[in-house]
Protein backbone atom coordinates (compact mmCIF):
# COMPACT_ATOMS: atom_id res chain seq x y z
CA SER A 1 90.24 89.78 93.19
CA THR A 2 88.36 92.84 94.45
CA LEU A 3 85.24 91.19 95.89
CA ALA A 4 87.32 88.40 97.40
CA ALA A 5 89.70 90.99 98.90
CA GLY A 6 92.57 89.23 97.16
CA GLY A 7 94.37 92.20 95.66
CA PHE A 8 96.19 90.58 92.76
CA SER A 9 96.30 92.27 89.35
CA PRO A 10 97.52 90.95 85.98
CA ASN A 11 99.51 94.17 85.69
CA PRO A 12 102.93 94.24 87.46
CA LEU A 13 102.15 97.79 88.64
CA SER A 14 98.88 96.66 90.20
CA ILE A 15 95.84 98.80 89.33
CA ALA A 16 98.13 101.84 88.88
CA GLY A 17 99.44 100.19 85.72
CA TYR A 18 96.14 100.79 83.92
CA GLY A 19 96.20 104.56 84.47
CA SER A 20 92.40 104.75 84.42
CA ASN A 21 90.25 106.69 86.90
CA LEU A 22 87.20 104.80 85.62
CA ILE A 23 88.78 101.49 86.62
CA ASN A 24 89.85 102.99 89.95
CA TRP A 25 86.31 104.08 90.83
CA ILE A 26 84.73 100.81 89.71
CA ILE A 27 87.11 98.98 92.05
CA ILE A 28 86.49 101.53 94.82
CA ILE A 29 82.74 100.80 94.66
CA PHE A 30 83.20 97.05 94.82
CA MET A 31 85.89 97.23 97.51
CA PHE A 32 83.39 99.16 99.61
CA ILE A 33 80.77 96.47 98.98
CA ALA A 34 83.27 93.68 99.76
CA GLY A 35 84.13 95.38 103.06
CA SER A 36 80.52 95.60 104.24
CA SER A 37 78.43 92.77 105.66
CA PHE A 38 77.01 90.44 103.00
CA ALA A 39 74.28 89.39 105.44
CA LEU A 40 73.23 93.02 105.78
CA GLN A 41 73.30 93.47 102.01
CA SER A 42 71.18 90.35 101.52
CA ARG A 43 68.64 91.48 104.13
CA ALA A 44 68.39 94.99 102.67
CA LEU A 45 67.94 93.70 99.12
CA ALA A 46 65.45 91.00 100.11
CA LYS A 47 63.30 93.50 102.02
CA ARG A 48 64.00 96.26 99.49
CA LYS A 49 64.85 98.67 102.30
CA LEU A 50 68.08 100.58 101.83
CA SER A 51 67.40 102.23 105.19
CA LEU A 52 68.52 98.98 106.83
CA PHE A 53 72.10 99.86 105.94
CA TRP A 54 72.07 103.04 107.99
CA LYS A 55 70.27 101.34 110.87
CA SER A 56 73.32 99.11 111.30
CA GLU A 57 75.73 100.66 113.79
CA GLU A 58 78.65 98.74 112.30
CA PHE A 59 77.87 99.97 108.77
CA ARG A 60 77.57 103.58 109.99
CA CYS A 61 80.96 103.31 111.71
CA TYR A 62 82.44 101.69 108.60
CA VAL A 63 81.26 104.57 106.39
CA CYS A 64 82.31 107.29 108.83
CA ILE A 65 85.78 105.85 109.43
CA ILE A 66 86.45 105.45 105.70
CA LEU A 67 85.29 109.03 105.06
CA ILE A 68 87.35 110.53 107.89
CA PHE A 69 90.54 108.70 106.94
CA SER A 70 90.02 109.50 103.25
CA LEU A 71 89.52 113.21 104.01
CA VAL A 72 92.67 113.35 106.13
CA LEU A 73 94.75 111.50 103.55
CA GLY A 74 93.22 113.53 100.70
CA GLY A 75 94.19 116.76 102.45
CA ILE A 76 97.76 115.53 102.89
CA LEU A 77 98.00 114.56 99.22
CA PHE A 78 96.55 117.90 98.12
CA PHE A 79 98.82 120.08 100.25
CA GLU A 80 101.98 117.98 100.51
CA GLN A 81 102.05 115.95 97.29
CA HIS A 82 100.41 118.79 95.31
CA TYR A 83 97.89 116.49 93.64
CA SER A 84 94.81 117.96 91.98
CA LEU A 85 91.60 117.87 94.03
CA PHE A 86 90.09 114.98 92.01
CA HIS A 87 93.38 113.05 92.05
CA SER A 88 93.66 113.54 95.81
CA VAL A 89 90.13 112.26 96.42
CA THR A 90 90.53 109.25 94.11
CA ALA A 91 93.94 108.25 95.46
CA SER A 92 92.96 108.69 99.11
CA VAL A 93 89.65 106.80 98.93
CA TYR A 94 91.21 103.97 96.94
CA GLN A 95 94.19 103.47 99.23
CA ILE A 96 92.18 103.73 102.46
CA LEU A 97 89.68 101.17 101.21
CA THR A 98 92.27 98.77 99.83
CA LEU A 99 94.18 98.70 103.14
CA SER A 100 91.21 98.74 105.50
CA THR A 101 89.34 95.98 103.63
CA SER A 102 92.57 93.96 103.19
CA THR A 103 92.19 93.99 99.40
CA GLY A 104 95.81 95.06 98.96
CA SER A 105 95.85 96.36 95.36
CA ALA A 106 97.10 99.90 94.69
CA SER A 107 96.22 102.74 92.34
CA GLU A 108 99.30 104.71 93.40
CA ASP A 109 102.86 103.96 94.49
CA PHE A 110 102.17 105.22 98.01
CA GLN A 111 105.67 104.24 99.11
CA LEU A 112 106.73 107.54 97.49
CA TRP A 113 104.30 109.61 99.56
CA SER A 114 105.24 111.79 102.53
CA PHE A 115 105.76 110.49 106.07
CA ASN A 116 102.40 111.92 107.20
CA ALA A 117 100.58 110.10 104.41
CA LYS A 118 102.28 106.83 105.36
CA ILE A 119 101.21 107.26 108.99
CA VAL A 120 97.57 107.51 107.88
CA LEU A 121 97.99 104.44 105.66
CA PHE A 122 99.57 102.50 108.53
CA LEU A 123 96.64 103.33 110.83
CA ALA A 124 94.23 102.32 108.05
CA MET A 125 95.66 98.80 108.24
CA PHE A 126 94.07 98.47 111.68
CA ILE A 127 90.59 99.66 110.61
CA SER A 128 89.45 96.39 109.06
CA SER A 129 86.04 95.75 107.52
CA CYS A 130 82.60 94.69 108.72
CA SER A 131 81.86 91.28 110.19
CA GLY A 132 80.47 88.90 107.58
CA SER A 133 82.45 90.59 104.81
CA ALA A 134 85.25 89.36 102.55
CA GLY A 135 87.84 91.43 104.42
CA GLY A 136 90.25 90.26 107.08
CA GLY A 137 91.63 91.93 110.18
CA VAL A 138 90.03 92.73 113.51
CA LYS A 139 86.54 93.63 112.18
CA ILE A 140 84.77 96.86 113.05
CA THR A 141 82.26 95.10 115.33
CA ARG A 142 85.07 94.22 117.71
CA TRP A 143 86.37 97.80 117.72
CA ILE A 144 82.86 99.02 118.57
CA LEU A 145 82.55 96.55 121.46
CA ILE A 146 86.00 97.43 122.80
CA PHE A 147 85.32 101.17 122.78
CA LYS A 148 81.90 100.67 124.37
CA TYR A 149 83.48 98.50 127.05
CA ILE A 150 86.12 101.17 127.76
CA ASN A 151 83.42 103.85 127.92
CA ASN A 152 81.39 101.74 130.36
CA GLU A 153 84.38 101.14 132.62
CA LEU A 154 85.25 104.84 132.68
CA TYR A 155 81.62 105.65 133.53
CA LYS A 156 81.68 103.12 136.41
CA ILE A 157 84.83 104.73 137.79
CA LEU A 158 83.04 108.09 137.90
CA HIS A 159 79.77 106.52 139.12
CA PRO A 160 80.65 103.40 141.18
CA ASN A 161 77.03 102.52 142.02
CA ALA A 162 75.79 102.79 138.45
CA VAL A 163 74.70 99.70 136.53
CA LYS A 164 75.49 100.04 132.86
CA THR A 165 75.73 97.28 130.26
CA ILE A 166 76.30 97.07 126.53
CA ALA A 167 72.89 96.49 124.95
CA VAL A 168 72.12 93.07 123.39
CA VAL A 169 75.66 91.80 123.97
CA ALA A 170 76.26 88.86 126.30
CA PRO A 171 79.11 89.18 128.85
CA GLU A 172 80.90 86.15 127.37
CA VAL A 173 80.97 87.89 123.97
CA ILE A 174 82.70 90.88 125.58
CA ARG A 175 85.23 88.58 127.27
CA GLN A 176 85.96 86.77 124.01
CA THR A 177 86.37 90.08 122.19
CA ILE A 178 88.84 91.38 124.78
CA PHE A 179 90.72 88.06 124.67
CA PHE A 180 90.86 88.25 120.87
CA MET A 181 92.20 91.82 120.91
CA ILE A 182 94.86 90.94 123.48
CA CYS A 183 95.97 87.96 121.40
CA PHE A 184 95.91 90.00 118.18
CA MET A 185 98.03 92.81 119.59
CA LEU A 186 100.38 90.41 121.36
CA ILE A 187 101.04 88.40 118.19
CA PHE A 188 101.44 91.64 116.22
CA ALA A 189 104.01 92.92 118.73
CA ILE A 190 105.98 89.66 118.97
CA VAL A 191 106.20 89.18 115.20
CA SER A 192 107.08 92.88 114.73
CA VAL A 193 110.01 92.57 117.11
CA ALA A 194 111.14 89.28 115.57
CA ILE A 195 111.11 90.58 111.98
CA THR A 196 112.75 93.84 113.09
CA PHE A 197 115.55 91.83 114.70
CA ILE A 198 116.00 89.64 111.60
CA GLU A 199 115.83 92.45 109.03
CA GLN A 200 117.42 95.17 111.20
CA ASN A 201 114.62 97.48 110.07
CA ALA A 202 111.91 98.58 112.50
CA THR A 203 109.58 100.02 109.86
CA LEU A 204 109.75 96.83 107.82
CA GLY A 205 109.14 94.68 110.90
CA ILE A 206 106.11 96.62 112.17
CA VAL A 207 104.42 97.04 108.78
CA ALA A 208 105.15 93.46 107.66
CA SER A 209 103.58 92.14 110.86
CA ILE A 210 100.28 94.03 110.57
CA SER A 211 100.16 93.58 106.79
CA SER A 212 100.41 89.79 107.11
CA LEU A 213 98.30 89.42 110.27
CA GLY A 214 95.52 91.48 108.67
CA ASP A 215 96.01 89.65 105.33
CA ILE A 216 96.46 93.03 103.65
CA GLY A 217 99.46 92.53 101.36
CA PRO A 218 101.66 95.53 100.59
CA GLY A 219 104.23 97.17 102.83
CA LEU A 220 105.36 100.77 103.16
CA THR A 221 109.11 100.52 102.63
CA LYS A 222 110.99 100.92 99.36
CA THR A 223 111.56 97.17 98.89
CA THR A 224 108.11 96.05 100.07
CA GLY A 225 105.83 98.81 98.77
CA PRO A 226 102.80 98.32 96.53
CA MET A 227 104.93 98.12 93.38
CA ALA A 228 107.43 95.74 95.01
CA SER A 229 107.09 92.61 97.16
CA PHE A 230 108.47 90.79 100.20
CA ALA A 231 110.56 88.49 97.98
CA ALA A 232 113.87 89.96 99.14
CA ILE A 233 113.36 89.52 102.89
CA HIS A 234 114.95 86.71 104.89
CA SER A 235 113.36 83.24 104.84
CA SER A 236 112.82 83.40 108.61
CA SER A 237 110.83 86.61 108.17
CA LYS A 238 108.75 84.95 105.47
CA CYS A 239 107.99 82.04 107.81
CA LEU A 240 106.79 84.48 110.46
CA MET A 241 104.59 86.22 107.89
CA ILE A 242 103.19 82.85 106.76
CA PHE A 243 102.28 82.15 110.40
CA ASN A 244 100.61 85.57 110.65
CA MET A 245 98.67 85.13 107.40
CA LEU A 246 97.46 81.69 108.47
CA ILE A 247 96.08 82.72 111.84
CA GLY A 248 94.89 86.05 110.44
CA ARG A 249 92.63 84.26 107.99
CA LEU A 250 91.60 81.37 110.25
CA GLU A 251 90.87 83.78 113.14
CA ILE A 252 93.07 83.69 116.22
CA ILE A 253 90.76 81.97 118.73
CA PRO A 254 89.94 78.91 116.54
CA PHE A 255 93.65 78.57 115.79
CA LEU A 256 94.59 78.61 119.48
CA ILE A 257 91.89 76.06 120.25
CA LEU A 258 93.72 73.62 117.97
CA PHE A 259 96.47 73.47 120.59
CA ASN A 260 94.07 72.41 123.33
CA LYS A 261 94.25 68.65 123.88
CA ASP A 262 90.50 68.47 124.59
CA PHE A 263 89.85 69.52 120.99
CA TRP A 264 91.45 66.31 119.72
CA LEU A 265 89.70 63.92 122.08
CA ILE A 266 87.16 61.66 120.41
CA LYS A 267 84.09 61.62 122.57
CA ARG A 268 82.17 58.38 122.56
């Protein structure tokens, strides 16, 4: 369930039901592994060079983002929830990893946390994991390409005659990445509005949309938190979430290609 980024637990209170920090940290380690590239892991182990991990820009970003978000959330838990230092670190790292890697299990009932903590958790749902990992979502590689593209465009505005490209990335890959991000955010927005309209709850609509599109699992409201489920929502909302989960796991572009008539033509 951890390595496959599935999130299910035999305990009705998820991983929190075991009340064991040892179990929490074992799962934290393997969630981190599940969220990193298996191809990179295989290459590093085959060549017996752990330095290959840090040479990967995506892996470095993955580590830094997880650390930054965990530190911010840990600080909030320490000062606002009055957790002990160790409890704050354990709870923050676990929850950031479980949401960013789309694992979806929980070591804490974070629905009871402060508004600031929930904001950090919501943003963590957009982080995603490395390409070639078990996690779902956007993937960190795409975020890197998008930010590099934005940086290049801003540089060209300041220096119109400059020629600057993103190293070892073909232009068509950039175009596909931008197209993917537009489709991802558009579907997220449309489904958010639709579920909000059905449920008359904006928080539920927004969180349910990203949770299902990123194949993450838990929500942030009282009825859909980590110790609850989406069982009580309207059937129409469930259908929208099913749609999100399907295209979130299949990837958006391959799913859209299915609706192109040329895909179904049998070439002789």
